[in-house]
Amino acid sequence: MRRKSKFANEQSIRALRESDGGAKQGDVARRLGVTEQTIYRWKERLGGMQVNWIKELKRRTAIRRTWGTHASRVRNEINFGHHA
Protein backbone atom coordinates (compact mmCIF):
# COMPACT_ATOMS: atom_id res chain seq x y z
CA MET A 1 0.00 0.00 0.00
CA ARG A 2 1.36 3.37 -1.01
CA ARG A 3 1.71 5.91 1.76
CA LYS A 4 -0.29 9.12 1.55
CA SER A 5 1.58 12.05 0.06
CA LYS A 6 1.82 15.32 1.92
CA PHE A 7 1.16 17.02 -1.42
CA ALA A 8 -2.20 17.01 -3.15
CA ASN A 9 -2.17 15.98 -6.81
CA GLU A 10 -3.05 19.57 -7.71
CA GLN A 11 0.10 20.83 -5.98
CA SER A 12 2.20 18.21 -7.73
CA ILE A 13 0.78 19.17 -11.12
CA ARG A 14 1.44 22.86 -10.47
CA ALA A 15 5.05 22.01 -9.58
CA LEU A 16 5.38 20.04 -12.82
CA ARG A 17 3.96 22.95 -14.83
CA GLU A 18 6.47 25.23 -13.14
CA SER A 19 9.37 22.97 -14.11
CA ASP A 20 7.96 22.61 -17.65
CA GLY A 21 7.76 26.40 -17.82
CA GLY A 22 11.52 26.75 -17.56
CA ALA A 23 12.32 26.47 -13.85
CA LYS A 24 14.99 23.91 -13.04
CA GLN A 25 13.65 20.73 -11.47
CA GLY A 26 16.29 20.94 -8.75
CA ASP A 27 15.13 24.44 -7.80
CA VAL A 28 11.46 23.39 -7.73
CA ALA A 29 12.34 20.31 -5.64
CA ARG A 30 14.36 22.35 -3.12
CA ARG A 31 11.59 24.95 -2.78
CA LEU A 32 9.06 22.21 -2.04
CA GLY A 33 11.40 20.23 0.20
CA VAL A 34 11.35 17.09 -1.95
CA THR A 35 13.99 15.24 -3.95
CA GLU A 36 14.41 15.52 -7.70
CA GLN A 37 13.43 11.84 -7.83
CA THR A 38 10.03 12.81 -6.43
CA ILE A 39 9.60 15.35 -9.22
CA TYR A 40 10.42 12.62 -11.77
CA ARG A 41 7.89 10.26 -10.10
CA TRP A 42 5.22 12.96 -10.23
CA LYS A 43 6.01 13.54 -13.90
CA GLU A 44 5.66 9.82 -14.60
CA ARG A 45 2.37 9.54 -12.70
CA LEU A 46 0.73 12.90 -13.46
CA GLY A 47 2.67 14.30 -16.40
CA GLY A 48 -0.14 14.82 -18.90
CA MET A 49 -2.88 15.72 -16.43
CA GLN A 50 -4.36 19.13 -15.82
CA VAL A 51 -5.50 20.40 -12.42
CA ASN A 52 -9.12 20.66 -13.56
CA TRP A 53 -9.03 16.95 -14.59
CA ILE A 54 -7.96 15.96 -11.07
CA LYS A 55 -10.74 18.09 -9.54
CA GLU A 56 -13.34 16.50 -11.85
CA LEU A 57 -12.06 13.02 -11.01
CA LYS A 58 -12.36 13.77 -7.28
CA ARG A 59 -15.88 15.12 -7.78
CA ARG A 60 -16.98 12.02 -9.70
CA THR A 61 -15.39 9.72 -7.13
CA ALA A 62 -17.25 11.49 -4.32
CA ILE A 63 -20.54 11.15 -6.20
CA ARG A 64 -19.86 7.46 -6.84
CA ARG A 65 -19.06 6.93 -3.15
CA THR A 66 -22.26 8.68 -2.07
CA TRP A 67 -24.42 6.71 -4.48
CA GLY A 68 -22.66 3.48 -3.54
CA THR A 69 -23.50 4.05 0.13
CA HIS A 70 -27.09 4.91 -0.72
CA ALA A 71 -27.45 1.87 -2.99
CA SER A 72 -26.13 -0.50 -0.33
CA ARG A 73 -28.64 0.92 2.21
CA VAL A 74 -31.48 0.38 -0.24
CA ARG A 75 -30.24 -3.16 -0.95
CA ASN A 76 -30.12 -3.90 2.78
CA GLU A 77 -33.65 -2.59 3.25
CA ILE A 78 -34.92 -4.75 0.42
CA ASN A 79 -32.98 -7.87 1.45
CA PHE A 80 -33.57 -7.65 5.19
CA GLY A 81 -36.86 -5.78 5.38
CA HIS A 82 -35.32 -2.91 7.37
CA HIS A 83 -36.78 0.53 6.96
CA ALA A 84 -35.04 3.78 7.74
C-alpha atoms as a PDB file:
ATOM      1  CA  MET A   1       0.000   0.000   0.000  1.00  0.00           C
ATOM      2  CA  ARG A   2       1.356   3.368  -1.013  1.00  0.00           C
ATOM      3  CA  ARG A   3       1.708   5.906   1.764  1.00  0.00           C
ATOM      4  CA  LYS A   4      -0.289   9.115   1.553  1.00  0.00           C
ATOM      5  CA  SER A   5       1.576  12.047   0.060  1.00  0.00           C
ATOM      6  CA  LYS A   6       1.818  15.325   1.924  1.00  0.00           C
ATOM      7  CA  PHE A   7       1.162  17.022  -1.418  1.00  0.00           C
ATOM      8  CA  ALA A   8      -2.200  17.007  -3.154  1.00  0.00           C
ATOM      9  CA  ASN A   9      -2.165  15.980  -6.806  1.00  0.00           C
ATOM     10  CA  GLU A  10      -3.050  19.570  -7.710  1.00  0.00           C
ATOM     11  CA  GLN A  11       0.096  20.834  -5.983  1.00  0.00           C
ATOM     12  CA  SER A  12       2.199  18.214  -7.734  1.00  0.00           C
ATOM     13  CA  ILE A  13       0.777  19.169 -11.121  1.00  0.00           C
ATOM     14  CA  ARG A  14       1.445  22.858 -10.469  1.00  0.00           C
ATOM     15  CA  ALA A  15       5.050  22.009  -9.577  1.00  0.00           C
ATOM     16  CA  LEU A  16       5.375  20.036 -12.823  1.00  0.00           C
ATOM     17  CA  ARG A  17       3.959  22.945 -14.834  1.00  0.00           C
ATOM     18  CA  GLU A  18       6.467  25.231 -13.143  1.00  0.00           C
ATOM     19  CA  SER A  19       9.368  22.974 -14.109  1.00  0.00           C
ATOM     20  CA  ASP A  20       7.963  22.610 -17.646  1.00  0.00           C
ATOM     21  CA  GLY A  21       7.755  26.402 -17.821  1.00  0.00           C
ATOM     22  CA  GLY A  22      11.519  26.749 -17.562  1.00  0.00           C
ATOM     23  CA  ALA A  23      12.320  26.475 -13.847  1.00  0.00           C
ATOM     24  CA  LYS A  24      14.993  23.909 -13.038  1.00  0.00           C
ATOM     25  CA  GLN A  25      13.647  20.728 -11.473  1.00  0.00           C
ATOM     26  CA  GLY A  26      16.285  20.938  -8.749  1.00  0.00           C
ATOM     27  CA  ASP A  27      15.126  24.440  -7.802  1.00  0.00           C
ATOM     28  CA  VAL A  28      11.458  23.387  -7.727  1.00  0.00           C
ATOM     29  CA  ALA A  29      12.340  20.311  -5.643  1.00  0.00           C
ATOM     30  CA  ARG A  30      14.357  22.349  -3.123  1.00  0.00           C
ATOM     31  CA  ARG A  31      11.588  24.949  -2.783  1.00  0.00           C
ATOM     32  CA  LEU A  32       9.058  22.207  -2.036  1.00  0.00           C
ATOM     33  CA  GLY A  33      11.399  20.232   0.203  1.00  0.00           C
ATOM     34  CA  VAL A  34      11.348  17.086  -1.945  1.00  0.00           C
ATOM     35  CA  THR A  35      13.992  15.240  -3.946  1.00  0.00           C
ATOM     36  CA  GLU A  36      14.409  15.517  -7.696  1.00  0.00           C
ATOM     37  CA  GLN A  37      13.428  11.840  -7.833  1.00  0.00           C
ATOM     38  CA  THR A  38      10.028  12.809  -6.429  1.00  0.00           C
ATOM     39  CA  ILE A  39       9.597  15.349  -9.219  1.00  0.00           C
ATOM     40  CA  TYR A  40      10.419  12.615 -11.767  1.00  0.00           C
ATOM     41  CA  ARG A  41       7.895  10.262 -10.104  1.00  0.00           C
ATOM     42  CA  TRP A  42       5.219  12.958 -10.232  1.00  0.00           C
ATOM     43  CA  LYS A  43       6.010  13.537 -13.904  1.00  0.00           C
ATOM     44  CA  GLU A  44       5.662   9.819 -14.601  1.00  0.00           C
ATOM     45  CA  ARG A  45       2.373   9.538 -12.700  1.00  0.00           C
ATOM     46  CA  LEU A  46       0.726  12.902 -13.459  1.00  0.00           C
ATOM     47  CA  GLY A  47       2.675  14.295 -16.399  1.00  0.00           C
ATOM     48  CA  GLY A  48      -0.135  14.819 -18.898  1.00  0.00           C
ATOM     49  CA  MET A  49      -2.878  15.724 -16.430  1.00  0.00           C
ATOM     50  CA  GLN A  50      -4.361  19.129 -15.819  1.00  0.00           C
ATOM     51  CA  VAL A  51      -5.496  20.398 -12.417  1.00  0.00           C
ATOM     52  CA  ASN A  52      -9.125  20.659 -13.556  1.00  0.00           C
ATOM     53  CA  TRP A  53      -9.032  16.953 -14.587  1.00  0.00           C
ATOM     54  CA  ILE A  54      -7.964  15.964 -11.065  1.00  0.00           C
ATOM     55  CA  LYS A  55     -10.740  18.086  -9.538  1.00  0.00           C
ATOM     56  CA  GLU A  56     -13.336  16.501 -11.849  1.00  0.00           C
ATOM     57  CA  LEU A  57     -12.059  13.017 -11.012  1.00  0.00           C
ATOM     58  CA  LYS A  58     -12.358  13.766  -7.275  1.00  0.00           C
ATOM     59  CA  ARG A  59     -15.885  15.119  -7.782  1.00  0.00           C
ATOM     60  CA  ARG A  60     -16.980  12.022  -9.697  1.00  0.00           C
ATOM     61  CA  THR A  61     -15.387   9.719  -7.135  1.00  0.00           C
ATOM     62  CA  ALA A  62     -17.253  11.494  -4.319  1.00  0.00           C
ATOM     63  CA  ILE A  63     -20.537  11.146  -6.198  1.00  0.00           C
ATOM     64  CA  ARG A  64     -19.863   7.461  -6.841  1.00  0.00           C
ATOM     65  CA  ARG A  65     -19.057   6.926  -3.151  1.00  0.00           C
ATOM     66  CA  THR A  66     -22.257   8.685  -2.074  1.00  0.00           C
ATOM     67  CA  TRP A  67     -24.422   6.708  -4.483  1.00  0.00           C
ATOM     68  CA  GLY A  68     -22.664   3.475  -3.537  1.00  0.00           C
ATOM     69  CA  THR A  69     -23.496   4.047   0.131  1.00  0.00           C
ATOM     70  CA  HIS A  70     -27.091   4.914  -0.717  1.00  0.00           C
ATOM     71  CA  ALA A  71     -27.449   1.872  -2.993  1.00  0.00           C
ATOM     72  CA  SER A  72     -26.133  -0.504  -0.328  1.00  0.00           C
ATOM     73  CA  ARG A  73     -28.643   0.921   2.212  1.00  0.00           C
ATOM     74  CA  VAL A  74     -31.483   0.379  -0.237  1.00  0.00           C
ATOM     75  CA  ARG A  75     -30.241  -3.163  -0.945  1.00  0.00           C
ATOM     76  CA  ASN A  76     -30.120  -3.902   2.785  1.00  0.00           C
ATOM     77  CA  GLU A  77     -33.651  -2.585   3.249  1.00  0.00           C
ATOM     78  CA  ILE A  78     -34.921  -4.753   0.419  1.00  0.00           C
ATOM     79  CA  ASN A  79     -32.975  -7.867   1.454  1.00  0.00           C
ATOM     80  CA  PHE A  80     -33.565  -7.654   5.195  1.00  0.00           C
ATOM     81  CA  GLY A  81     -36.857  -5.784   5.377  1.00  0.00           C
ATOM     82  CA  HIS A  82     -35.321  -2.908   7.366  1.00  0.00           C
ATOM     83  CA  HIS A  83     -36.779   0.528   6.956  1.00  0.00           C
ATOM     84  CA  ALA A  84     -35.035   3.781   7.744  1.00  0.00           C
END
